[in-house]
Amino acid sequence: MDVIFVPLLSVVLKIIGLYKFLVLVYIILGWLEALNIVNRYNQIVYTIHSFLFRLVEPVLNPIRRFIPNLGGIDVSPLILFFVIYFIQEVIAQILNKFPA
């Protein structure tokens, strides 16, 4: 069982870490667009934003439904970071229980 379980959880942990990085890039890109540092009408920026939007927004929307309006401040990415961090720690603790 450990032959499949441990490597599978390791891969899942890496994928979750990659997703957390993509969420961070999505947030930073949104800030750069809001501050007019990058232009959304640029084809490269639009492609990156569209790709990240399709990956991140389906996860952020359910979080936004439960959070009250805080006057224009979107804390849903922060909550998503905490959830991702919690999941990573749970998986890491499970991996620590099995000898390598």
PDB file of N, CA and C in Angstrom:
ATOM      1  N   MET A   1       0.820  -1.195   0.000  1.00  0.00           N
ATOM      2  CA  MET A   1       0.000   0.000   0.000  1.00  0.00           C
ATOM      3  C   MET A   1       0.867   1.264   0.000  1.00  0.00           C
ATOM      4  N   ASP A   2       1.971   1.239   0.764  1.00  0.00           N
ATOM      5  CA  ASP A   2       2.837   2.413   0.841  1.00  0.00           C
ATOM      6  C   ASP A   2       3.550   2.687  -0.473  1.00  0.00           C
ATOM      7  N   VAL A   3       3.707   1.664  -1.298  1.00  0.00           N
ATOM      8  CA  VAL A   3       4.417   1.827  -2.556  1.00  0.00           C
ATOM      9  C   VAL A   3       3.671   2.791  -3.476  1.00  0.00           C
ATOM     10  N   ILE A   4       2.367   2.791  -3.437  1.00  0.00           N
ATOM     11  CA  ILE A   4       1.570   3.682  -4.274  1.00  0.00           C
ATOM     12  C   ILE A   4       1.136   4.928  -3.503  1.00  0.00           C
ATOM     13  N   PHE A   5       0.800   4.748  -2.234  1.00  0.00           N
ATOM     14  CA  PHE A   5       0.214   5.822  -1.435  1.00  0.00           C
ATOM     15  C   PHE A   5       1.162   6.998  -1.219  1.00  0.00           C
ATOM     16  N   VAL A   6       2.378   6.728  -0.833  1.00  0.00           N
ATOM     17  CA  VAL A   6       3.335   7.804  -0.517  1.00  0.00           C
ATOM     18  C   VAL A   6       3.709   8.613  -1.767  1.00  0.00           C
ATOM     19  N   PRO A   7       4.077   7.981  -2.892  1.00  0.00           N
ATOM     20  CA  PRO A   7       4.372   8.797  -4.078  1.00  0.00           C
ATOM     21  C   PRO A   7       3.161   9.568  -4.597  1.00  0.00           C
ATOM     22  N   LEU A   8       1.978   8.972  -4.480  1.00  0.00           N
ATOM     23  CA  LEU A   8       0.769   9.654  -4.925  1.00  0.00           C
ATOM     24  C   LEU A   8       0.512  10.898  -4.084  1.00  0.00           C
ATOM     25  N   LEU A   9       0.656  10.784  -2.781  1.00  0.00           N
ATOM     26  CA  LEU A   9       0.483  11.955  -1.929  1.00  0.00           C
ATOM     27  C   LEU A   9       1.568  13.002  -2.176  1.00  0.00           C
ATOM     28  N   SER A  10       2.765  12.561  -2.501  1.00  0.00           N
ATOM     29  CA  SER A  10       3.839  13.507  -2.826  1.00  0.00           C
ATOM     30  C   SER A  10       3.510  14.296  -4.086  1.00  0.00           C
ATOM     31  N   VAL A  11       2.966  13.622  -5.077  1.00  0.00           N
ATOM     32  CA  VAL A  11       2.575  14.303  -6.316  1.00  0.00           C
ATOM     33  C   VAL A  11       1.429  15.276  -6.044  1.00  0.00           C
ATOM     34  N   VAL A  12       0.456  14.851  -5.254  1.00  0.00           N
ATOM     35  CA  VAL A  12      -0.661  15.727  -4.904  1.00  0.00           C
ATOM     36  C   VAL A  12      -0.153  16.961  -4.163  1.00  0.00           C
ATOM     37  N   LEU A  13       0.804  16.780  -3.284  1.00  0.00           N
ATOM     38  CA  LEU A  13       1.387  17.902  -2.547  1.00  0.00           C
ATOM     39  C   LEU A  13       2.071  18.885  -3.491  1.00  0.00           C
ATOM     40  N   LYS A  14       2.781  18.382  -4.482  1.00  0.00           N
ATOM     41  CA  LYS A  14       3.438  19.255  -5.463  1.00  0.00           C
ATOM     42  C   LYS A  14       2.413  20.001  -6.320  1.00  0.00           C
ATOM     43  N   ILE A  15       1.341  19.324  -6.715  1.00  0.00           N
ATOM     44  CA  ILE A  15       0.302  19.967  -7.528  1.00  0.00           C
ATOM     45  C   ILE A  15      -0.391  21.069  -6.731  1.00  0.00           C
ATOM     46  N   ILE A  16      -0.644  20.821  -5.463  1.00  0.00           N
ATOM     47  CA  ILE A  16      -1.260  21.841  -4.613  1.00  0.00           C
ATOM     48  C   ILE A  16      -0.329  23.036  -4.458  1.00  0.00           C
ATOM     49  N   GLY A  17       0.961  22.791  -4.320  1.00  0.00           N
ATOM     50  CA  GLY A  17       1.934  23.886  -4.242  1.00  0.00           C
ATOM     51  C   GLY A  17       1.974  24.699  -5.524  1.00  0.00           C
ATOM     52  N   LEU A  18       1.881  24.032  -6.668  1.00  0.00           N
ATOM     53  CA  LEU A  18       1.832  24.734  -7.950  1.00  0.00           C
ATOM     54  C   LEU A  18       0.572  25.578  -8.057  1.00  0.00           C
ATOM     55  N   TYR A  19      -0.549  25.032  -7.597  1.00  0.00           N
ATOM     56  CA  TYR A  19      -1.800  25.784  -7.644  1.00  0.00           C
ATOM     57  C   TYR A  19      -1.722  27.027  -6.758  1.00  0.00           C
ATOM     58  N   LYS A  20      -1.094  26.885  -5.605  1.00  0.00           N
ATOM     59  CA  LYS A  20      -0.931  28.035  -4.718  1.00  0.00           C
ATOM     60  C   LYS A  20      -0.086  29.121  -5.390  1.00  0.00           C
ATOM     61  N   PHE A  21       0.935  28.716  -6.121  1.00  0.00           N
ATOM     62  CA  PHE A  21       1.760  29.673  -6.864  1.00  0.00           C
ATOM     63  C   PHE A  21       0.933  30.364  -7.947  1.00  0.00           C
ATOM     64  N   LEU A  22       0.086  29.620  -8.652  1.00  0.00           N
ATOM     65  CA  LEU A  22      -0.753  30.205  -9.699  1.00  0.00           C
ATOM     66  C   LEU A  22      -1.753  31.198  -9.119  1.00  0.00           C
ATOM     67  N   VAL A  23      -2.274  30.915  -7.936  1.00  0.00           N
ATOM     68  CA  VAL A  23      -3.176  31.859  -7.267  1.00  0.00           C
ATOM     69  C   VAL A  23      -2.426  33.139  -6.943  1.00  0.00           C
ATOM     70  N   LEU A  24      -1.204  33.021  -6.480  1.00  0.00           N
ATOM     71  CA  LEU A  24      -0.392  34.196  -6.169  1.00  0.00           C
ATOM     72  C   LEU A  24      -0.125  35.030  -7.424  1.00  0.00           C
ATOM     73  N   VAL A  25       0.205  34.381  -8.521  1.00  0.00           N
ATOM     74  CA  VAL A  25       0.438  35.101  -9.782  1.00  0.00           C
ATOM     75  C   VAL A  25      -0.842  35.795 -10.236  1.00  0.00           C
ATOM     76  N   TYR A  26      -1.992  35.136 -10.072  1.00  0.00           N
ATOM     77  CA  TYR A  26      -3.277  35.723 -10.443  1.00  0.00           C
ATOM     78  C   TYR A  26      -3.552  36.988  -9.630  1.00  0.00           C
ATOM     79  N   ILE A  27      -3.271  36.939  -8.350  1.00  0.00           N
ATOM     80  CA  ILE A  27      -3.489  38.104  -7.490  1.00  0.00           C
ATOM     81  C   ILE A  27      -2.572  39.253  -7.892  1.00  0.00           C
ATOM     82  N   ILE A  28      -1.307  38.958  -8.098  1.00  0.00           N
ATOM     83  CA  ILE A  28      -0.342  39.999  -8.468  1.00  0.00           C
ATOM     84  C   ILE A  28      -0.694  40.596  -9.823  1.00  0.00           C
ATOM     85  N   LEU A  29      -1.101  39.761 -10.769  1.00  0.00           N
ATOM     86  CA  LEU A  29      -1.489  40.264 -12.087  1.00  0.00           C
ATOM     87  C   LEU A  29      -2.711  41.180 -11.967  1.00  0.00           C
ATOM     88  N   GLY A  30      -3.653  40.829 -11.105  1.00  0.00           N
ATOM     89  CA  GLY A  30      -4.815  41.694 -10.885  1.00  0.00           C
ATOM     90  C   GLY A  30      -4.417  43.047 -10.314  1.00  0.00           C
ATOM     91  N   TRP A  31      -3.472  43.044  -9.380  1.00  0.00           N
ATOM     92  CA  TRP A  31      -2.984  44.310  -8.837  1.00  0.00           C
ATOM     93  C   TRP A  31      -2.287  45.141  -9.908  1.00  0.00           C
ATOM     94  N   LEU A  32      -1.459  44.486 -10.714  1.00  0.00           N
ATOM     95  CA  LEU A  32      -0.739  45.210 -11.764  1.00  0.00           C
ATOM     96  C   LEU A  32      -1.698  45.801 -12.790  1.00  0.00           C
ATOM     97  N   GLU A  33      -2.769  45.092 -13.080  1.00  0.00           N
ATOM     98  CA  GLU A  33      -3.773  45.626 -14.003  1.00  0.00           C
ATOM     99  C   GLU A  33      -4.530  46.786 -13.368  1.00  0.00           C
ATOM    100  N   ALA A  34      -4.859  46.686 -12.095  1.00  0.00           N
ATOM    101  CA  ALA A  34      -5.595  47.749 -11.413  1.00  0.00           C
ATOM    102  C   ALA A  34      -4.764  49.026 -11.296  1.00  0.00           C
ATOM    103  N   LEU A  35      -3.457  48.880 -11.169  1.00  0.00           N
ATOM    104  CA  LEU A  35      -2.571  50.037 -11.053  1.00  0.00           C
ATOM    105  C   LEU A  35      -2.071  50.536 -12.408  1.00  0.00           C
ATOM    106  N   ASN A  36      -2.590  49.959 -13.489  1.00  0.00           N
ATOM    107  CA  ASN A  36      -2.221  50.323 -14.861  1.00  0.00           C
ATOM    108  C   ASN A  36      -0.731  50.149 -15.140  1.00  0.00           C
ATOM    109  N   ILE A  37      -0.129  49.152 -14.533  1.00  0.00           N
ATOM    110  CA  ILE A  37       1.266  48.835 -14.818  1.00  0.00           C
ATOM    111  C   ILE A  37       1.342  47.929 -16.027  1.00  0.00           C
ATOM    112  N   VAL A  38       0.411  46.995 -16.119  1.00  0.00           N
ATOM    113  CA  VAL A  38       0.294  46.167 -17.313  1.00  0.00           C
ATOM    114  C   VAL A  38      -1.072  46.422 -17.935  1.00  0.00           C
ATOM    115  N   ASN A  39      -1.156  46.224 -19.224  1.00  0.00           N
ATOM    116  CA  ASN A  39      -2.367  46.500 -19.979  1.00  0.00           C
ATOM    117  C   ASN A  39      -3.058  45.187 -20.318  1.00  0.00           C
ATOM    118  N   ARG A  40      -4.310  45.054 -19.922  1.00  0.00           N
ATOM    119  CA  ARG A  40      -5.054  43.824 -20.189  1.00  0.00           C
ATOM    120  C   ARG A  40      -5.271  43.616 -21.681  1.00  0.00           C
ATOM    121  N   TYR A  41      -5.192  44.664 -22.470  1.00  0.00           N
ATOM    122  CA  TYR A  41      -5.397  44.533 -23.917  1.00  0.00           C
ATOM    123  C   TYR A  41      -4.162  44.010 -24.639  1.00  0.00           C
ATOM    124  N   ASN A  42      -3.050  43.899 -23.932  1.00  0.00           N
ATOM    125  CA  ASN A  42      -1.870  43.250 -24.477  1.00  0.00           C
ATOM    126  C   ASN A  42      -2.176  41.763 -24.616  1.00  0.00           C
ATOM    127  N   GLN A  43      -1.834  41.176 -25.749  1.00  0.00           N
ATOM    128  CA  GLN A  43      -2.209  39.787 -26.026  1.00  0.00           C
ATOM    129  C   GLN A  43      -1.606  38.802 -25.029  1.00  0.00           C
ATOM    130  N   ILE A  44      -0.363  39.001 -24.650  1.00  0.00           N
ATOM    131  CA  ILE A  44       0.288  38.089 -23.703  1.00  0.00           C
ATOM    132  C   ILE A  44      -0.361  38.206 -22.327  1.00  0.00           C
ATOM    133  N   VAL A  45      -0.587  39.427 -21.873  1.00  0.00           N
ATOM    134  CA  VAL A  45      -1.216  39.639 -20.572  1.00  0.00           C
ATOM    135  C   VAL A  45      -2.631  39.060 -20.582  1.00  0.00           C
ATOM    136  N   TYR A  46      -3.362  39.272 -21.669  1.00  0.00           N
ATOM    137  CA  TYR A  46      -4.722  38.751 -21.766  1.00  0.00           C
ATOM    138  C   TYR A  46      -4.727  37.228 -21.724  1.00  0.00           C
ATOM    139  N   THR A  47      -3.790  36.597 -22.410  1.00  0.00           N
ATOM    140  CA  THR A  47      -3.719  35.136 -22.429  1.00  0.00           C
ATOM    141  C   THR A  47      -3.401  34.584 -21.045  1.00  0.00           C
ATOM    142  N   ILE A  48      -2.429  35.188 -20.371  1.00  0.00           N
ATOM    143  CA  ILE A  48      -2.070  34.734 -19.026  1.00  0.00           C
ATOM    144  C   ILE A  48      -3.229  34.952 -18.070  1.00  0.00           C
ATOM    145  N   HIS A  49      -3.855  36.112 -18.140  1.00  0.00           N
ATOM    146  CA  HIS A  49      -4.976  36.411 -17.251  1.00  0.00           C
ATOM    147  C   HIS A  49      -6.147  35.460 -17.518  1.00  0.00           C
ATOM    148  N   SER A  50      -6.434  35.205 -18.760  1.00  0.00           N
ATOM    149  CA  SER A  50      -7.534  34.300 -19.100  1.00  0.00           C
ATOM    150  C   SER A  50      -7.268  32.883 -18.589  1.00  0.00           C
ATOM    151  N   PHE A  51      -6.042  32.404 -18.756  1.00  0.00           N
ATOM    152  CA  PHE A  51      -5.672  31.082 -18.272  1.00  0.00           C
ATOM    153  C   PHE A  51      -5.805  30.985 -16.754  1.00  0.00           C
ATOM    154  N   LEU A  52      -5.271  31.978 -16.057  1.00  0.00           N
ATOM    155  CA  LEU A  52      -5.331  31.974 -14.598  1.00  0.00           C
ATOM    156  C   LEU A  52      -6.761  32.159 -14.096  1.00  0.00           C
ATOM    157  N   PHE A  53      -7.540  32.970 -14.797  1.00  0.00           N
ATOM    158  CA  PHE A  53      -8.939  33.182 -14.429  1.00  0.00           C
ATOM    159  C   PHE A  53      -9.708  31.865 -14.459  1.00  0.00           C
ATOM    160  N   ARG A  54      -9.482  31.074 -15.494  1.00  0.00           N
ATOM    161  CA  ARG A  54     -10.170  29.784 -15.611  1.00  0.00           C
ATOM    162  C   ARG A  54      -9.749  28.789 -14.537  1.00  0.00           C
ATOM    163  N   LEU A  55      -8.549  28.923 -14.023  1.00  0.00           N
ATOM    164  CA  LEU A  55      -8.078  28.011 -12.972  1.00  0.00           C
ATOM    165  C   LEU A  55      -8.464  28.454 -11.562  1.00  0.00           C
ATOM    166  N   VAL A  56      -8.443  29.745 -11.322  1.00  0.00           N
ATOM    167  CA  VAL A  56      -8.574  30.252  -9.955  1.00  0.00           C
ATOM    168  C   VAL A  56     -10.008  30.644  -9.599  1.00  0.00           C
ATOM    169  N   GLU A  57     -10.713  31.292 -10.492  1.00  0.00           N
ATOM    170  CA  GLU A  57     -12.041  31.805 -10.162  1.00  0.00           C
ATOM    171  C   GLU A  57     -13.048  30.731  -9.762  1.00  0.00           C
ATOM    172  N   PRO A  58     -13.058  29.540 -10.364  1.00  0.00           N
ATOM    173  CA  PRO A  58     -14.025  28.539  -9.889  1.00  0.00           C
ATOM    174  C   PRO A  58     -13.830  28.140  -8.425  1.00  0.00           C
ATOM    175  N   VAL A  59     -12.640  28.307  -7.907  1.00  0.00           N
ATOM    176  CA  VAL A  59     -12.386  27.993  -6.495  1.00  0.00           C
ATOM    177  C   VAL A  59     -12.701  29.206  -5.618  1.00  0.00           C
ATOM    178  N   LEU A  60     -12.453  30.405  -6.126  1.00  0.00           N
ATOM    179  CA  LEU A  60     -12.691  31.606  -5.332  1.00  0.00           C
ATOM    180  C   LEU A  60     -14.176  31.957  -5.218  1.00  0.00           C
ATOM    181  N   ASN A  61     -14.963  31.661  -6.230  1.00  0.00           N
ATOM    182  CA  ASN A  61     -16.380  32.032  -6.203  1.00  0.00           C
ATOM    183  C   ASN A  61     -17.155  31.419  -5.046  1.00  0.00           C
ATOM    184  N   PRO A  62     -17.015  30.123  -4.735  1.00  0.00           N
ATOM    185  CA  PRO A  62     -17.736  29.603  -3.556  1.00  0.00           C
ATOM    186  C   PRO A  62     -17.284  30.246  -2.246  1.00  0.00           C
ATOM    187  N   ILE A  63     -16.016  30.616  -2.159  1.00  0.00           N
ATOM    188  CA  ILE A  63     -15.524  31.286  -0.951  1.00  0.00           C
ATOM    189  C   ILE A  63     -16.165  32.660  -0.836  1.00  0.00           C
ATOM    190  N   ARG A  64     -16.293  33.363  -1.954  1.00  0.00           N
ATOM    191  CA  ARG A  64     -16.876  34.711  -1.946  1.00  0.00           C
ATOM    192  C   ARG A  64     -18.345  34.701  -1.542  1.00  0.00           C
ATOM    193  N   ARG A  65     -19.050  33.608  -1.791  1.00  0.00           N
ATOM    194  CA  ARG A  65     -20.460  33.533  -1.411  1.00  0.00           C
ATOM    195  C   ARG A  65     -20.643  33.530   0.104  1.00  0.00           C
ATOM    196  N   PHE A  66     -19.655  33.032   0.846  1.00  0.00           N
ATOM    197  CA  PHE A  66     -19.777  32.934   2.292  1.00  0.00           C
ATOM    198  C   PHE A  66     -19.160  34.112   3.035  1.00  0.00           C
ATOM    199  N   ILE A  67     -18.392  34.934   2.349  1.00  0.00           N
ATOM    200  CA  ILE A  67     -17.718  36.057   2.993  1.00  0.00           C
ATOM    201  C   ILE A  67     -18.583  37.308   2.855  1.00  0.00           C
ATOM    202  N   PRO A  68     -18.790  38.034   3.942  1.00  0.00           N
ATOM    203  CA  PRO A  68     -19.552  39.288   3.816  1.00  0.00           C
ATOM    204  C   PRO A  68     -18.732  40.335   3.061  1.00  0.00           C
ATOM    205  N   ASN A  69     -19.417  41.303   2.488  1.00  0.00           N
ATOM    206  CA  ASN A  69     -18.760  42.372   1.749  1.00  0.00           C
ATOM    207  C   ASN A  69     -17.949  43.228   2.714  1.00  0.00           C
ATOM    208  N   LEU A  70     -16.675  43.407   2.413  1.00  0.00           N
ATOM    209  CA  LEU A  70     -15.789  44.180   3.282  1.00  0.00           C
ATOM    210  C   LEU A  70     -15.431  45.524   2.669  1.00  0.00           C
ATOM    211  N   GLY A  71     -16.313  46.077   1.870  1.00  0.00           N
ATOM    212  CA  GLY A  71     -16.090  47.410   1.311  1.00  0.00           C
ATOM    213  C   GLY A  71     -15.067  47.432   0.199  1.00  0.00           C
ATOM    214  N   GLY A  72     -15.111  46.483  -0.691  1.00  0.00           N
ATOM    215  CA  GLY A  72     -14.217  46.473  -1.838  1.00  0.00           C
ATOM    216  C   GLY A  72     -12.932  45.708  -1.635  1.00  0.00           C
ATOM    217  N   ILE A  73     -12.699  45.186  -0.466  1.00  0.00           N
ATOM    218  CA  ILE A  73     -11.500  44.392  -0.213  1.00  0.00           C
ATOM    219  C   ILE A  73     -11.854  42.925  -0.370  1.00  0.00           C
ATOM    220  N   ASP A  74     -11.165  42.254  -1.254  1.00  0.00           N
ATOM    221  CA  ASP A  74     -11.431  40.843  -1.527  1.00  0.00           C
ATOM    222  C   ASP A  74     -10.446  39.995  -0.727  1.00  0.00           C
ATOM    223  N   VAL A  75     -10.943  39.336   0.313  1.00  0.00           N
ATOM    224  CA  VAL A  75     -10.093  38.498   1.148  1.00  0.00           C
ATOM    225  C   VAL A  75     -10.200  37.023   0.778  1.00  0.00           C
ATOM    226  N   SER A  76     -10.960  36.710  -0.256  1.00  0.00           N
ATOM    227  CA  SER A  76     -11.125  35.308  -0.640  1.00  0.00           C
ATOM    228  C   SER A  76      -9.801  34.644  -1.039  1.00  0.00           C
ATOM    229  N   PRO A  77      -8.870  35.329  -1.722  1.00  0.00           N
ATOM    230  CA  PRO A  77      -7.581  34.673  -1.992  1.00  0.00           C
ATOM    231  C   PRO A  77      -6.801  34.355  -0.716  1.00  0.00           C
ATOM    232  N   LEU A  78      -6.903  35.208   0.294  1.00  0.00           N
ATOM    233  CA  LEU A  78      -6.233  34.948   1.559  1.00  0.00           C
ATOM    234  C   LEU A  78      -6.822  33.714   2.236  1.00  0.00           C
ATOM    235  N   ILE A  79      -8.128  33.599   2.216  1.00  0.00           N
ATOM    236  CA  ILE A  79      -8.775  32.424   2.783  1.00  0.00           C
ATOM    237  C   ILE A  79      -8.388  31.180   1.993  1.00  0.00           C
ATOM    238  N   LEU A  80      -8.318  31.314   0.669  1.00  0.00           N
ATOM    239  CA  LEU A  80      -7.887  30.182  -0.166  1.00  0.00           C
ATOM    240  C   LEU A  80      -6.460  29.771   0.182  1.00  0.00           C
ATOM    241  N   PHE A  81      -5.574  30.740   0.435  1.00  0.00           N
ATOM    242  CA  PHE A  81      -4.211  30.410   0.851  1.00  0.00           C
ATOM    243  C   PHE A  81      -4.201  29.618   2.149  1.00  0.00           C
ATOM    244  N   PHE A  82      -5.026  30.032   3.120  1.00  0.00           N
ATOM    245  CA  PHE A  82      -5.092  29.315   4.393  1.00  0.00           C
ATOM    246  C   PHE A  82      -5.616  27.898   4.201  1.00  0.00           C
ATOM    247  N   VAL A  83      -6.604  27.740   3.349  1.00  0.00           N
ATOM    248  CA  VAL A  83      -7.153  26.401   3.085  1.00  0.00           C
ATOM    249  C   VAL A  83      -6.100  25.533   2.407  1.00  0.00           C
ATOM    250  N   ILE A  84      -5.413  26.090   1.429  1.00  0.00           N
ATOM    251  CA  ILE A  84      -4.358  25.332   0.732  1.00  0.00           C
ATOM    252  C   ILE A  84      -3.243  24.968   1.708  1.00  0.00           C
ATOM    253  N   TYR A  85      -2.845  25.921   2.532  1.00  0.00           N
ATOM    254  CA  TYR A  85      -1.799  25.654   3.522  1.00  0.00           C
ATOM    255  C   TYR A  85      -2.225  24.542   4.478  1.00  0.00           C
ATOM    256  N   PHE A  86      -3.485  24.578   4.925  1.00  0.00           N
ATOM    257  CA  PHE A  86      -3.993  23.544   5.817  1.00  0.00           C
ATOM    258  C   PHE A  86      -3.948  22.174   5.142  1.00  0.00           C
ATOM    259  N   ILE A  87      -4.380  22.111   3.892  1.00  0.00           N
ATOM    260  CA  ILE A  87      -4.361  20.839   3.159  1.00  0.00           C
ATOM    261  C   ILE A  87      -2.931  20.340   2.975  1.00  0.00           C
ATOM    262  N   GLN A  88      -2.012  21.256   2.661  1.00  0.00           N
ATOM    263  CA  GLN A  88      -0.611  20.862   2.520  1.00  0.00           C
ATOM    264  C   GLN A  88      -0.058  20.310   3.823  1.00  0.00           C
ATOM    265  N   GLU A  89      -0.383  20.934   4.928  1.00  0.00           N
ATOM    266  CA  GLU A  89       0.120  20.455   6.214  1.00  0.00           C
ATOM    267  C   GLU A  89      -0.468  19.100   6.585  1.00  0.00           C
ATOM    268  N   VAL A  90      -1.739  18.883   6.284  1.00  0.00           N
ATOM    269  CA  VAL A  90      -2.351  17.585   6.567  1.00  0.00           C
ATOM    270  C   VAL A  90      -1.665  16.504   5.748  1.00  0.00           C
ATOM    271  N   ILE A  91      -1.439  16.770   4.471  1.00  0.00           N
ATOM    272  CA  ILE A  91      -0.768  15.781   3.618  1.00  0.00           C
ATOM    273  C   ILE A  91       0.660  15.551   4.087  1.00  0.00           C
ATOM    274  N   ALA A  92       1.350  16.613   4.486  1.00  0.00           N
ATOM    275  CA  ALA A  92       2.721  16.459   4.982  1.00  0.00           C
ATOM    276  C   ALA A  92       2.756  15.620   6.255  1.00  0.00           C
ATOM    277  N   GLN A  93       1.786  15.805   7.136  1.00  0.00           N
ATOM    278  CA  GLN A  93       1.737  15.000   8.356  1.00  0.00           C
ATOM    279  C   GLN A  93       1.448  13.535   8.041  1.00  0.00           C
ATOM    280  N   ILE A  94       0.596  13.297   7.058  1.00  0.00           N
ATOM    281  CA  ILE A  94       0.327  11.916   6.643  1.00  0.00           C
ATOM    282  C   ILE A  94       1.586  11.298   6.066  1.00  0.00           C
ATOM    283  N   LEU A  95       2.323  12.057   5.255  1.00  0.00           N
ATOM    284  CA  LEU A  95       3.557  11.546   4.665  1.00  0.00           C
ATOM    285  C   LEU A  95       4.616  11.276   5.728  1.00  0.00           C
ATOM    286  N   ASN A  96       4.626  12.064   6.801  1.00  0.00           N
ATOM    287  CA  ASN A  96       5.597  11.844   7.873  1.00  0.00           C
ATOM    288  C   ASN A  96       5.320  10.565   8.650  1.00  0.00           C
ATOM    289  N   LYS A  97       4.097  10.110   8.624  1.00  0.00           N
ATOM    290  CA  LYS A  97       3.740   8.876   9.339  1.00  0.00           C
ATOM    291  C   LYS A  97       4.306   7.623   8.655  1.00  0.00           C
ATOM    292  N   PHE A  98       4.568   7.738   7.351  1.00  0.00           N
ATOM    293  CA  PHE A  98       5.086   6.602   6.598  1.00  0.00           C
ATOM    294  C   PHE A  98       6.583   6.749   6.421  1.00  0.00           C
ATOM    295  N   PRO A  99       7.349   5.712   6.657  1.00  0.00           N
ATOM    296  CA  PRO A  99       8.802   5.808   6.442  1.00  0.00           C
ATOM    297  C   PRO A  99       9.128   5.862   4.951  1.00  0.00           C
ATOM    298  N   ALA A 100      10.144   6.611   4.640  1.00  0.00           N
ATOM    299  CA  ALA A 100      10.518   6.799   3.235  1.00  0.00           C
ATOM    300  C   ALA A 100      11.284   5.635   2.668  1.00  0.00           C
TER     301      ALA A 100
END
